[in-house]
Amino acid sequence: MWKTILRRIVIMIPQIILLSVLVFILAKLMPGDPFSGLIDPNISPERIEELRQKLGLYDPWYVQYFRWIGNLFNGDLGLSYTYKMKVTSIIGQRAYNTMILSLFSVLLSYSISIPLGILAGRYQDSVLDKTIIVYNYISYAIPSFILSLVMLWLFGYKLQLFPTGGSVDLGLNPGTFAYHINRIYHLVLPAVTYAILSTTATIQYLRNEVIDAKNMDYVKTARSKGIPEKVIYRKHIFRNSLLPIAAFLGYSITGLLGGSVFIETIFGYPGMGKLFIEAIGSYDYSIITALVLLYGILALFGTLLSDIILSIVDPRIRIE
């Protein structure tokens, strides 16, 4: 298994190289540059041209690419033209916020989807099952930005139950109990929205697995032995129905740093998704290329992690 994992990682190397080339070229094809309309008007056009020459923006794309890759191997993702800070520092700050939001959202998502999926499969074609299916259709069909706007308007502005922006209130001392409680308070609304949107696949797959498992021979044998239904569902059907969840778990874990562009932007939550939108609007190539490359690498490792988790959950599945 370890040899296979190592081989998969080696195969990822040319994929990451190709991804880095595509990301860099696409970023350079964007119209304008970091100095387009975003510089202090007191700075003369001559000074702007001098800065462009100094930063090598007129060099051939392959020269800029290899310079970028060289800096990347040294742990330098470049300097943000907008924030005047190192990209690694900016992404580190935003990644922490996104990881907390996404982790909270994933926990909520599984807390909702696992019970609903099991109940829908157990009571197939009942009123409860049909209600869950309707919920699933709605959560699947509604766009994320529409649900985010509705949740923000209803619970943020109309009822004023939750904050409408930021990750924590100003004036609180970091590390205190009130500070952490306030962070959780800011997380609730975007996390619930994120969770509602991400329950669809888990509910549907789990429902189908439970329905299929009910007719399996091992379940019929357990029933013939007089084992109570609750025990059958808890110890037999539920365990064997976890494979679809395990298949998505790798993507969920590596997606923690991916964030949600629409949700973070609409709720004003300072995470990586919001940073990505801000970087596009300001032509901040350093942040754009770093984030897209990071998302791509996370997706590749998510595939590998899902395979590893599946092999651990089900001994019958092995990476060969």
C-alpha atoms as a PDB file:
ATOM      1  CA  MET A   1       0.000   0.000   0.000  1.00  0.00           C
ATOM      2  CA  TRP A   2       2.798   2.398   0.900  1.00  0.00           C
ATOM      3  CA  LYS A   3       4.508   1.728  -2.426  1.00  0.00           C
ATOM      4  CA  THR A   4       1.269   2.586  -4.212  1.00  0.00           C
ATOM      5  CA  ILE A   5       0.877   5.811  -2.241  1.00  0.00           C
ATOM      6  CA  LEU A   6       4.462   6.801  -3.088  1.00  0.00           C
ATOM      7  CA  ARG A   7       3.852   5.967  -6.752  1.00  0.00           C
ATOM      8  CA  ARG A   8       0.683   8.077  -6.775  1.00  0.00           C
ATOM      9  CA  ILE A   9       2.586  11.003  -5.268  1.00  0.00           C
ATOM     10  CA  VAL A  10       5.295  10.686  -7.926  1.00  0.00           C
ATOM     11  CA  ILE A  11       2.596  10.699 -10.628  1.00  0.00           C
ATOM     12  CA  MET A  12       1.216  13.903  -9.124  1.00  0.00           C
ATOM     13  CA  ILE A  13       4.487  15.765  -9.765  1.00  0.00           C
ATOM     14  CA  PRO A  14       4.011  16.250 -13.549  1.00  0.00           C
ATOM     15  CA  GLN A  15       0.324  17.035 -12.903  1.00  0.00           C
ATOM     16  CA  ILE A  16       1.291  19.792 -10.466  1.00  0.00           C
ATOM     17  CA  ILE A  17       3.894  21.146 -12.922  1.00  0.00           C
ATOM     18  CA  LEU A  18       1.318  21.273 -15.728  1.00  0.00           C
ATOM     19  CA  LEU A  19      -1.181  22.877 -13.375  1.00  0.00           C
ATOM     20  CA  SER A  20       1.331  25.548 -12.357  1.00  0.00           C
ATOM     21  CA  VAL A  21       2.044  26.418 -16.013  1.00  0.00           C
ATOM     22  CA  LEU A  22      -1.661  26.700 -16.862  1.00  0.00           C
ATOM     23  CA  VAL A  23      -2.390  28.757 -13.754  1.00  0.00           C
ATOM     24  CA  PHE A  24       0.447  31.162 -14.458  1.00  0.00           C
ATOM     25  CA  ILE A  25      -0.470  31.613 -18.136  1.00  0.00           C
ATOM     26  CA  LEU A  26      -4.170  32.149 -17.402  1.00  0.00           C
ATOM     27  CA  ALA A  27      -3.308  34.707 -14.738  1.00  0.00           C
ATOM     28  CA  LYS A  28      -1.105  36.579 -17.200  1.00  0.00           C
ATOM     29  CA  LEU A  29      -3.868  36.543 -19.824  1.00  0.00           C
ATOM     30  CA  MET A  30      -6.126  38.530 -17.531  1.00  0.00           C
ATOM     31  CA  PRO A  31      -6.597  42.113 -18.776  1.00  0.00           C
ATOM     32  CA  GLY A  32      -4.659  44.821 -16.987  1.00  0.00           C
ATOM     33  CA  ASP A  33      -2.070  44.422 -14.254  1.00  0.00           C
ATOM     34  CA  PRO A  34      -1.759  45.226 -10.532  1.00  0.00           C
ATOM     35  CA  PHE A  35      -1.035  48.858 -11.377  1.00  0.00           C
ATOM     36  CA  SER A  36      -4.112  49.383 -13.580  1.00  0.00           C
ATOM     37  CA  GLY A  37      -6.116  52.124 -11.899  1.00  0.00           C
ATOM     38  CA  LEU A  38      -5.150  51.066  -8.385  1.00  0.00           C
ATOM     39  CA  ILE A  39      -2.132  53.301  -7.770  1.00  0.00           C
ATOM     40  CA  ASP A  40      -2.170  56.581  -5.867  1.00  0.00           C
ATOM     41  CA  PRO A  41      -3.131  59.284  -8.435  1.00  0.00           C
ATOM     42  CA  ASN A  42      -0.241  61.368  -7.161  1.00  0.00           C
ATOM     43  CA  ILE A  43       2.202  58.862  -8.660  1.00  0.00           C
ATOM     44  CA  SER A  44       3.233  59.793 -12.186  1.00  0.00           C
ATOM     45  CA  PRO A  45       2.802  57.407 -15.155  1.00  0.00           C
ATOM     46  CA  GLU A  46       6.578  57.396 -15.556  1.00  0.00           C
ATOM     47  CA  ARG A  47       6.978  56.060 -12.021  1.00  0.00           C
ATOM     48  CA  ILE A  48       4.367  53.358 -12.716  1.00  0.00           C
ATOM     49  CA  GLU A  49       6.274  52.251 -15.820  1.00  0.00           C
ATOM     50  CA  GLU A  50       9.469  52.191 -13.796  1.00  0.00           C
ATOM     51  CA  LEU A  51       7.806  49.914 -11.233  1.00  0.00           C
ATOM     52  CA  ARG A  52       6.559  47.603 -13.999  1.00  0.00           C
ATOM     53  CA  GLN A  53      10.065  47.356 -15.428  1.00  0.00           C
ATOM     54  CA  LYS A  54      11.549  46.742 -11.987  1.00  0.00           C
ATOM     55  CA  LEU A  55       9.107  43.925 -11.213  1.00  0.00           C
ATOM     56  CA  GLY A  56       9.746  42.290 -14.588  1.00  0.00           C
ATOM     57  CA  LEU A  57       6.159  42.533 -15.843  1.00  0.00           C
ATOM     58  CA  TYR A  58       7.448  43.067 -19.400  1.00  0.00           C
ATOM     59  CA  ASP A  59       9.673  39.986 -19.358  1.00  0.00           C
ATOM     60  CA  PRO A  60       8.620  36.966 -21.480  1.00  0.00           C
ATOM     61  CA  TRP A  61       6.071  34.789 -19.702  1.00  0.00           C
ATOM     62  CA  TYR A  62       8.463  31.826 -19.389  1.00  0.00           C
ATOM     63  CA  VAL A  63      11.082  34.022 -17.720  1.00  0.00           C
ATOM     64  CA  GLN A  64       8.473  35.230 -15.232  1.00  0.00           C
ATOM     65  CA  TYR A  65       7.265  31.651 -14.731  1.00  0.00           C
ATOM     66  CA  PHE A  66      10.679  30.209 -13.881  1.00  0.00           C
ATOM     67  CA  ARG A  67      11.379  33.161 -11.605  1.00  0.00           C
ATOM     68  CA  TRP A  68       8.068  32.455  -9.851  1.00  0.00           C
ATOM     69  CA  ILE A  69       8.833  28.717  -9.536  1.00  0.00           C
ATOM     70  CA  GLY A  70      12.306  29.468  -8.168  1.00  0.00           C
ATOM     71  CA  ASN A  71      10.827  31.704  -5.505  1.00  0.00           C
ATOM     72  CA  LEU A  72       8.161  29.099  -4.811  1.00  0.00           C
ATOM     73  CA  PHE A  73      10.759  26.456  -3.934  1.00  0.00           C
ATOM     74  CA  ASN A  74      12.272  28.944  -1.510  1.00  0.00           C
ATOM     75  CA  GLY A  75       8.919  29.343   0.229  1.00  0.00           C
ATOM     76  CA  ASP A  76       8.337  32.748  -1.323  1.00  0.00           C
ATOM     77  CA  LEU A  77       4.971  33.135  -3.069  1.00  0.00           C
ATOM     78  CA  GLY A  78       5.701  36.742  -3.851  1.00  0.00           C
ATOM     79  CA  LEU A  79       4.519  40.078  -2.556  1.00  0.00           C
ATOM     80  CA  SER A  80       0.915  41.166  -2.763  1.00  0.00           C
ATOM     81  CA  TYR A  81       0.675  44.423  -4.715  1.00  0.00           C
ATOM     82  CA  THR A  82      -2.596  45.270  -2.978  1.00  0.00           C
ATOM     83  CA  TYR A  83      -1.824  44.455   0.660  1.00  0.00           C
ATOM     84  CA  LYS A  84       1.920  45.202   0.530  1.00  0.00           C
ATOM     85  CA  MET A  85       2.538  41.966   2.427  1.00  0.00           C
ATOM     86  CA  LYS A  86       3.969  38.551   1.672  1.00  0.00           C
ATOM     87  CA  VAL A  87       1.422  36.261   0.056  1.00  0.00           C
ATOM     88  CA  THR A  88       2.296  33.454   2.487  1.00  0.00           C
ATOM     89  CA  SER A  89       1.352  35.687   5.438  1.00  0.00           C
ATOM     90  CA  ILE A  90      -1.947  36.764   3.872  1.00  0.00           C
ATOM     91  CA  ILE A  91      -2.981  33.238   2.900  1.00  0.00           C
ATOM     92  CA  GLY A  92      -1.948  31.953   6.336  1.00  0.00           C
ATOM     93  CA  GLN A  93      -4.244  34.446   8.066  1.00  0.00           C
ATOM     94  CA  ARG A  94      -7.182  33.744   5.767  1.00  0.00           C
ATOM     95  CA  ALA A  95      -6.602  29.967   5.738  1.00  0.00           C
ATOM     96  CA  TYR A  96      -7.086  29.833   9.505  1.00  0.00           C
ATOM     97  CA  ASN A  97     -10.464  31.560   9.239  1.00  0.00           C
ATOM     98  CA  THR A  98     -11.568  29.370   6.331  1.00  0.00           C
ATOM     99  CA  MET A  99     -10.459  26.181   8.071  1.00  0.00           C
ATOM    100  CA  ILE A 100     -12.513  27.014  11.171  1.00  0.00           C
ATOM    101  CA  LEU A 101     -15.573  27.895   9.083  1.00  0.00           C
ATOM    102  CA  SER A 102     -15.279  24.842   6.848  1.00  0.00           C
ATOM    103  CA  LEU A 103     -14.609  22.437   9.734  1.00  0.00           C
ATOM    104  CA  PHE A 104     -17.673  23.726  11.567  1.00  0.00           C
ATOM    105  CA  SER A 105     -19.684  23.441   8.338  1.00  0.00           C
ATOM    106  CA  VAL A 106     -18.546  19.867   7.642  1.00  0.00           C
ATOM    107  CA  LEU A 107     -19.479  18.783  11.183  1.00  0.00           C
ATOM    108  CA  LEU A 108     -22.909  20.382  10.797  1.00  0.00           C
ATOM    109  CA  SER A 109     -23.334  18.874   7.350  1.00  0.00           C
ATOM    110  CA  TYR A 110     -22.669  15.314   8.534  1.00  0.00           C
ATOM    111  CA  SER A 111     -24.791  15.877  11.653  1.00  0.00           C
ATOM    112  CA  ILE A 112     -27.714  16.723   9.364  1.00  0.00           C
ATOM    113  CA  SER A 113     -27.131  14.389   6.422  1.00  0.00           C
ATOM    114  CA  ILE A 114     -26.315  11.112   8.216  1.00  0.00           C
ATOM    115  CA  PRO A 115     -29.536  10.927  10.296  1.00  0.00           C
ATOM    116  CA  LEU A 116     -31.670  12.137   7.377  1.00  0.00           C
ATOM    117  CA  GLY A 117     -30.082   9.664   4.952  1.00  0.00           C
ATOM    118  CA  ILE A 118     -30.605   6.724   7.319  1.00  0.00           C
ATOM    119  CA  LEU A 119     -34.202   7.701   8.131  1.00  0.00           C
ATOM    120  CA  ALA A 120     -35.044   8.203   4.456  1.00  0.00           C
ATOM    121  CA  GLY A 121     -33.663   4.774   3.570  1.00  0.00           C
ATOM    122  CA  ARG A 122     -35.193   3.003   6.538  1.00  0.00           C
ATOM    123  CA  TYR A 123     -38.680   4.432   6.016  1.00  0.00           C
ATOM    124  CA  GLN A 124     -38.629   4.302   2.228  1.00  0.00           C
ATOM    125  CA  ASP A 125     -41.664   5.826   0.442  1.00  0.00           C
ATOM    126  CA  SER A 126     -43.105   7.148   3.711  1.00  0.00           C
ATOM    127  CA  VAL A 127     -44.125  10.748   4.331  1.00  0.00           C
ATOM    128  CA  LEU A 128     -40.822  11.279   6.145  1.00  0.00           C
ATOM    129  CA  ASP A 129     -38.867   9.915   3.186  1.00  0.00           C
ATOM    130  CA  LYS A 130     -40.739  12.121   0.715  1.00  0.00           C
ATOM    131  CA  THR A 131     -40.201  15.180   2.934  1.00  0.00           C
ATOM    132  CA  ILE A 132     -36.451  14.502   3.055  1.00  0.00           C
ATOM    133  CA  ILE A 133     -36.391  14.041  -0.732  1.00  0.00           C
ATOM    134  CA  VAL A 134     -38.136  17.405  -1.204  1.00  0.00           C
ATOM    135  CA  TYR A 135     -35.576  19.020   1.116  1.00  0.00           C
ATOM    136  CA  ASN A 136     -32.808  17.373  -0.887  1.00  0.00           C
ATOM    137  CA  TYR A 137     -34.161  18.697  -4.178  1.00  0.00           C
ATOM    138  CA  ILE A 138     -34.439  22.228  -2.797  1.00  0.00           C
ATOM    139  CA  SER A 139     -30.947  22.237  -1.258  1.00  0.00           C
ATOM    140  CA  TYR A 140     -29.529  20.875  -4.510  1.00  0.00           C
ATOM    141  CA  ALA A 141     -31.367  23.288  -6.805  1.00  0.00           C
ATOM    142  CA  ILE A 142     -30.975  26.554  -4.921  1.00  0.00           C
ATOM    143  CA  PRO A 143     -27.823  28.515  -5.875  1.00  0.00           C
ATOM    144  CA  SER A 144     -25.402  29.173  -3.035  1.00  0.00           C
ATOM    145  CA  PHE A 145     -25.491  32.938  -3.470  1.00  0.00           C
ATOM    146  CA  ILE A 146     -29.316  32.983  -3.366  1.00  0.00           C
ATOM    147  CA  LEU A 147     -29.494  30.986  -0.137  1.00  0.00           C
ATOM    148  CA  SER A 148     -26.686  33.099   1.352  1.00  0.00           C
ATOM    149  CA  LEU A 149     -28.538  36.326   0.556  1.00  0.00           C
ATOM    150  CA  VAL A 150     -31.799  34.981   1.988  1.00  0.00           C
ATOM    151  CA  MET A 151     -30.107  33.789   5.197  1.00  0.00           C
ATOM    152  CA  LEU A 152     -28.240  37.072   5.567  1.00  0.00           C
ATOM    153  CA  TRP A 153     -31.378  39.164   4.986  1.00  0.00           C
ATOM    154  CA  LEU A 154     -33.620  37.066   7.257  1.00  0.00           C
ATOM    155  CA  PHE A 155     -31.376  36.249  10.210  1.00  0.00           C
ATOM    156  CA  GLY A 156     -28.879  39.084   9.890  1.00  0.00           C
ATOM    157  CA  TYR A 157     -30.875  42.176   8.943  1.00  0.00           C
ATOM    158  CA  LYS A 158     -34.536  41.313   9.530  1.00  0.00           C
ATOM    159  CA  LEU A 159     -34.361  39.348  12.786  1.00  0.00           C
ATOM    160  CA  GLN A 160     -30.896  40.652  13.750  1.00  0.00           C
ATOM    161  CA  LEU A 161     -29.988  37.356  15.393  1.00  0.00           C
ATOM    162  CA  PHE A 162     -26.484  37.061  13.935  1.00  0.00           C
ATOM    163  CA  PRO A 163     -23.712  39.401  12.745  1.00  0.00           C
ATOM    164  CA  THR A 164     -23.725  40.391   9.083  1.00  0.00           C
ATOM    165  CA  GLY A 165     -19.974  40.482   8.511  1.00  0.00           C
ATOM    166  CA  GLY A 166     -16.499  39.810   9.865  1.00  0.00           C
ATOM    167  CA  SER A 167     -15.116  36.928  11.918  1.00  0.00           C
ATOM    168  CA  VAL A 168     -15.033  38.608  15.333  1.00  0.00           C
ATOM    169  CA  ASP A 169     -16.098  41.903  16.903  1.00  0.00           C
ATOM    170  CA  LEU A 170     -13.526  44.643  17.355  1.00  0.00           C
ATOM    171  CA  GLY A 171     -12.173  45.379  20.815  1.00  0.00           C
ATOM    172  CA  LEU A 172     -12.068  41.798  22.113  1.00  0.00           C
ATOM    173  CA  ASN A 173      -8.791  40.459  23.449  1.00  0.00           C
ATOM    174  CA  PRO A 174      -7.565  37.403  21.480  1.00  0.00           C
ATOM    175  CA  GLY A 175      -7.430  34.227  23.540  1.00  0.00           C
ATOM    176  CA  THR A 176     -10.136  35.188  26.013  1.00  0.00           C
ATOM    177  CA  PHE A 177     -13.332  33.183  26.511  1.00  0.00           C
ATOM    178  CA  ALA A 178     -15.450  36.059  25.177  1.00  0.00           C
ATOM    179  CA  TYR A 179     -13.260  36.237  22.067  1.00  0.00           C
ATOM    180  CA  HIS A 180     -13.747  32.552  21.199  1.00  0.00           C
ATOM    181  CA  ILE A 181     -17.487  32.682  21.890  1.00  0.00           C
ATOM    182  CA  ASN A 182     -17.763  35.713  19.626  1.00  0.00           C
ATOM    183  CA  ARG A 183     -15.905  33.900  16.825  1.00  0.00           C
ATOM    184  CA  ILE A 184     -18.353  31.003  17.073  1.00  0.00           C
ATOM    185  CA  TYR A 185     -21.231  33.509  17.042  1.00  0.00           C
ATOM    186  CA  HIS A 186     -19.932  34.909  13.739  1.00  0.00           C
ATOM    187  CA  LEU A 187     -19.515  31.384  12.352  1.00  0.00           C
ATOM    188  CA  VAL A 188     -23.054  30.142  12.906  1.00  0.00           C
ATOM    189  CA  LEU A 189     -24.898  31.807  10.013  1.00  0.00           C
ATOM    190  CA  PRO A 190     -22.385  31.157   7.204  1.00  0.00           C
ATOM    191  CA  ALA A 191     -21.660  27.658   8.561  1.00  0.00           C
ATOM    192  CA  VAL A 192     -25.336  26.667   8.605  1.00  0.00           C
ATOM    193  CA  THR A 193     -25.724  27.987   5.057  1.00  0.00           C
ATOM    194  CA  TYR A 194     -22.634  26.061   3.959  1.00  0.00           C
ATOM    195  CA  ALA A 195     -23.914  22.897   5.668  1.00  0.00           C
ATOM    196  CA  ILE A 196     -27.379  23.047   4.081  1.00  0.00           C
ATOM    197  CA  LEU A 197     -25.846  23.293   0.625  1.00  0.00           C
ATOM    198  CA  SER A 198     -23.459  20.379   1.173  1.00  0.00           C
ATOM    199  CA  THR A 199     -25.850  17.748   2.570  1.00  0.00           C
ATOM    200  CA  THR A 200     -27.398  16.703  -0.740  1.00  0.00           C
ATOM    201  CA  ALA A 201     -24.886  14.116  -1.959  1.00  0.00           C
ATOM    202  CA  THR A 202     -24.421  12.458   1.437  1.00  0.00           C
ATOM    203  CA  ILE A 203     -28.170  12.122   2.063  1.00  0.00           C
ATOM    204  CA  GLN A 204     -28.836  10.684  -1.396  1.00  0.00           C
ATOM    205  CA  TYR A 205     -25.966   8.195  -1.358  1.00  0.00           C
ATOM    206  CA  LEU A 206     -26.661   7.095   2.208  1.00  0.00           C
ATOM    207  CA  ARG A 207     -30.376   6.642   1.462  1.00  0.00           C
ATOM    208  CA  ASN A 208     -29.593   4.456  -1.549  1.00  0.00           C
ATOM    209  CA  GLU A 209     -27.067   2.403   0.398  1.00  0.00           C
ATOM    210  CA  VAL A 210     -29.525   1.767   3.240  1.00  0.00           C
ATOM    211  CA  ILE A 211     -32.255   0.731   0.779  1.00  0.00           C
ATOM    212  CA  ASP A 212     -29.871  -1.687  -0.945  1.00  0.00           C
ATOM    213  CA  ALA A 213     -28.543  -3.050   2.361  1.00  0.00           C
ATOM    214  CA  LYS A 214     -32.040  -3.862   3.645  1.00  0.00           C
ATOM    215  CA  ASN A 215     -32.333  -6.616   1.048  1.00  0.00           C
ATOM    216  CA  MET A 216     -28.882  -8.108   1.560  1.00  0.00           C
ATOM    217  CA  ASP A 217     -28.494 -11.691   2.776  1.00  0.00           C
ATOM    218  CA  TYR A 218     -26.649 -10.742   5.964  1.00  0.00           C
ATOM    219  CA  VAL A 219     -29.566  -8.494   7.001  1.00  0.00           C
ATOM    220  CA  LYS A 220     -32.107 -11.241   6.292  1.00  0.00           C
ATOM    221  CA  THR A 221     -29.980 -13.643   8.326  1.00  0.00           C
ATOM    222  CA  ALA A 222     -29.837 -11.193  11.235  1.00  0.00           C
ATOM    223  CA  ARG A 223     -33.616 -10.767  11.146  1.00  0.00           C
ATOM    224  CA  SER A 224     -34.128 -14.534  11.066  1.00  0.00           C
ATOM    225  CA  LYS A 225     -32.049 -14.789  14.252  1.00  0.00           C
ATOM    226  CA  GLY A 226     -34.425 -12.393  15.995  1.00  0.00           C
ATOM    227  CA  ILE A 227     -32.013  -9.462  16.253  1.00  0.00           C
ATOM    228  CA  PRO A 228     -33.961  -6.222  16.922  1.00  0.00           C
ATOM    229  CA  GLU A 229     -34.325  -3.775  14.020  1.00  0.00           C
ATOM    230  CA  LYS A 230     -32.503  -1.017  15.890  1.00  0.00           C
ATOM    231  CA  VAL A 231     -29.479  -3.253  16.364  1.00  0.00           C
ATOM    232  CA  ILE A 232     -29.568  -4.358  12.713  1.00  0.00           C
ATOM    233  CA  TYR A 233     -29.549  -0.765  11.481  1.00  0.00           C
ATOM    234  CA  ARG A 234     -26.946   0.388  13.969  1.00  0.00           C
ATOM    235  CA  LYS A 235     -24.443  -2.473  13.778  1.00  0.00           C
ATOM    236  CA  HIS A 236     -24.951  -3.865  10.287  1.00  0.00           C
ATOM    237  CA  ILE A 237     -26.661  -1.572   7.807  1.00  0.00           C
ATOM    238  CA  PHE A 238     -25.155   1.684   9.056  1.00  0.00           C
ATOM    239  CA  ARG A 239     -21.574   0.400   9.074  1.00  0.00           C
ATOM    240  CA  ASN A 240     -21.828  -0.976   5.555  1.00  0.00           C
ATOM    241  CA  SER A 241     -23.501   2.210   4.311  1.00  0.00           C
ATOM    242  CA  LEU A 242     -20.606   4.440   5.350  1.00  0.00           C
ATOM    243  CA  LEU A 243     -18.547   3.773   2.227  1.00  0.00           C
ATOM    244  CA  PRO A 244     -20.047   6.659   0.191  1.00  0.00           C
ATOM    245  CA  ILE A 245     -19.312   9.024   3.083  1.00  0.00           C
ATOM    246  CA  ALA A 246     -15.752   7.728   3.299  1.00  0.00           C
ATOM    247  CA  ALA A 247     -15.374   8.279  -0.443  1.00  0.00           C
ATOM    248  CA  PHE A 248     -16.204  11.974  -0.026  1.00  0.00           C
ATOM    249  CA  LEU A 249     -14.348  12.436   3.246  1.00  0.00           C
ATOM    250  CA  GLY A 250     -10.976  12.955   1.601  1.00  0.00           C
ATOM    251  CA  TYR A 251     -12.343  15.744  -0.562  1.00  0.00           C
ATOM    252  CA  SER A 252     -14.072  17.268   2.459  1.00  0.00           C
ATOM    253  CA  ILE A 253     -10.864  17.316   4.501  1.00  0.00           C
ATOM    254  CA  THR A 254      -8.680  18.789   1.766  1.00  0.00           C
ATOM    255  CA  GLY A 255     -11.488  21.163   0.849  1.00  0.00           C
ATOM    256  CA  LEU A 256     -11.330  22.754   4.289  1.00  0.00           C
ATOM    257  CA  LEU A 257      -8.835  25.282   2.978  1.00  0.00           C
ATOM    258  CA  GLY A 258     -10.709  25.806  -0.262  1.00  0.00           C
ATOM    259  CA  GLY A 259     -13.501  27.743   1.328  1.00  0.00           C
ATOM    260  CA  SER A 260     -16.609  28.969  -0.399  1.00  0.00           C
ATOM    261  CA  VAL A 261     -16.240  32.012  -2.621  1.00  0.00           C
ATOM    262  CA  PHE A 262     -19.887  33.073  -2.630  1.00  0.00           C
ATOM    263  CA  ILE A 263     -20.617  32.403   1.036  1.00  0.00           C
ATOM    264  CA  GLU A 264     -17.512  34.150   2.355  1.00  0.00           C
ATOM    265  CA  THR A 265     -18.001  37.107   0.026  1.00  0.00           C
ATOM    266  CA  ILE A 266     -21.704  37.600   0.807  1.00  0.00           C
ATOM    267  CA  PHE A 267     -21.267  37.195   4.553  1.00  0.00           C
ATOM    268  CA  GLY A 268     -18.143  39.357   4.538  1.00  0.00           C
ATOM    269  CA  TYR A 269     -16.172  36.579   6.198  1.00  0.00           C
ATOM    270  CA  PRO A 270     -12.405  37.146   5.816  1.00  0.00           C
ATOM    271  CA  GLY A 271     -11.447  33.752   4.426  1.00  0.00           C
ATOM    272  CA  MET A 272      -9.649  32.438   1.367  1.00  0.00           C
ATOM    273  CA  GLY A 273     -12.738  32.550  -0.827  1.00  0.00           C
ATOM    274  CA  LYS A 274     -13.229  36.252  -0.191  1.00  0.00           C
ATOM    275  CA  LEU A 275      -9.500  36.830  -0.649  1.00  0.00           C
ATOM    276  CA  PHE A 276      -9.681  35.130  -4.054  1.00  0.00           C
ATOM    277  CA  ILE A 277     -12.459  37.457  -5.243  1.00  0.00           C
ATOM    278  CA  GLU A 278     -10.585  40.504  -3.939  1.00  0.00           C
ATOM    279  CA  ALA A 279      -7.396  39.393  -5.707  1.00  0.00           C
ATOM    280  CA  ILE A 280      -9.225  38.996  -9.026  1.00  0.00           C
ATOM    281  CA  GLY A 281     -10.772  42.446  -8.692  1.00  0.00           C
ATOM    282  CA  SER A 282      -7.401  44.034  -7.983  1.00  0.00           C
ATOM    283  CA  TYR A 283      -5.390  42.008 -10.550  1.00  0.00           C
ATOM    284  CA  ASP A 284      -3.177  40.725  -7.744  1.00  0.00           C
ATOM    285  CA  TYR A 285      -1.440  37.962  -9.725  1.00  0.00           C
ATOM    286  CA  SER A 286       0.663  36.801  -6.784  1.00  0.00           C
ATOM    287  CA  ILE A 287      -2.388  35.882  -4.711  1.00  0.00           C
ATOM    288  CA  ILE A 288      -4.391  34.515  -7.669  1.00  0.00           C
ATOM    289  CA  THR A 289      -1.692  32.109  -8.828  1.00  0.00           C
ATOM    290  CA  ALA A 290      -0.883  30.985  -5.285  1.00  0.00           C
ATOM    291  CA  LEU A 291      -4.519  30.266  -4.400  1.00  0.00           C
ATOM    292  CA  VAL A 292      -5.406  28.453  -7.632  1.00  0.00           C
ATOM    293  CA  LEU A 293      -2.266  26.337  -7.395  1.00  0.00           C
ATOM    294  CA  LEU A 294      -3.099  25.545  -3.767  1.00  0.00           C
ATOM    295  CA  TYR A 295      -6.669  24.535  -4.679  1.00  0.00           C
ATOM    296  CA  GLY A 296      -5.376  22.262  -7.435  1.00  0.00           C
ATOM    297  CA  ILE A 297      -2.843  20.545  -5.172  1.00  0.00           C
ATOM    298  CA  LEU A 298      -5.501  20.046  -2.501  1.00  0.00           C
ATOM    299  CA  ALA A 299      -7.812  18.444  -5.080  1.00  0.00           C
ATOM    300  CA  LEU A 300      -5.078  15.991  -6.128  1.00  0.00           C
ATOM    301  CA  PHE A 301      -4.278  15.015  -2.564  1.00  0.00           C
ATOM    302  CA  GLY A 302      -8.010  14.788  -1.813  1.00  0.00           C
ATOM    303  CA  THR A 303      -8.298  11.990  -4.374  1.00  0.00           C
ATOM    304  CA  LEU A 304      -5.424  10.096  -2.795  1.00  0.00           C
ATOM    305  CA  LEU A 305      -6.745  10.658   0.725  1.00  0.00           C
ATOM    306  CA  SER A 306     -10.190   9.355  -0.249  1.00  0.00           C
ATOM    307  CA  ASP A 307      -8.647   6.140  -1.573  1.00  0.00           C
ATOM    308  CA  ILE A 308      -6.651   5.693   1.630  1.00  0.00           C
ATOM    309  CA  ILE A 309      -9.709   6.267   3.839  1.00  0.00           C
ATOM    310  CA  LEU A 310     -11.743   3.797   1.785  1.00  0.00           C
ATOM    311  CA  SER A 311      -9.072   1.137   2.197  1.00  0.00           C
ATOM    312  CA  ILE A 312      -9.063   1.688   5.964  1.00  0.00           C
ATOM    313  CA  VAL A 313     -12.871   1.663   6.354  1.00  0.00           C
ATOM    314  CA  ASP A 314     -13.392  -1.405   4.165  1.00  0.00           C
ATOM    315  CA  PRO A 315     -10.629  -4.061   4.391  1.00  0.00           C
ATOM    316  CA  ARG A 316     -11.929  -5.536   1.120  1.00  0.00           C
ATOM    317  CA  ILE A 317     -10.734  -2.414  -0.688  1.00  0.00           C
ATOM    318  CA  ARG A 318      -7.009  -2.106  -1.067  1.00  0.00           C
ATOM    319  CA  ILE A 319      -4.911   0.240  -3.155  1.00  0.00           C
ATOM    320  CA  GLU A 320      -2.943  -2.060  -5.413  1.00  0.00           C
END
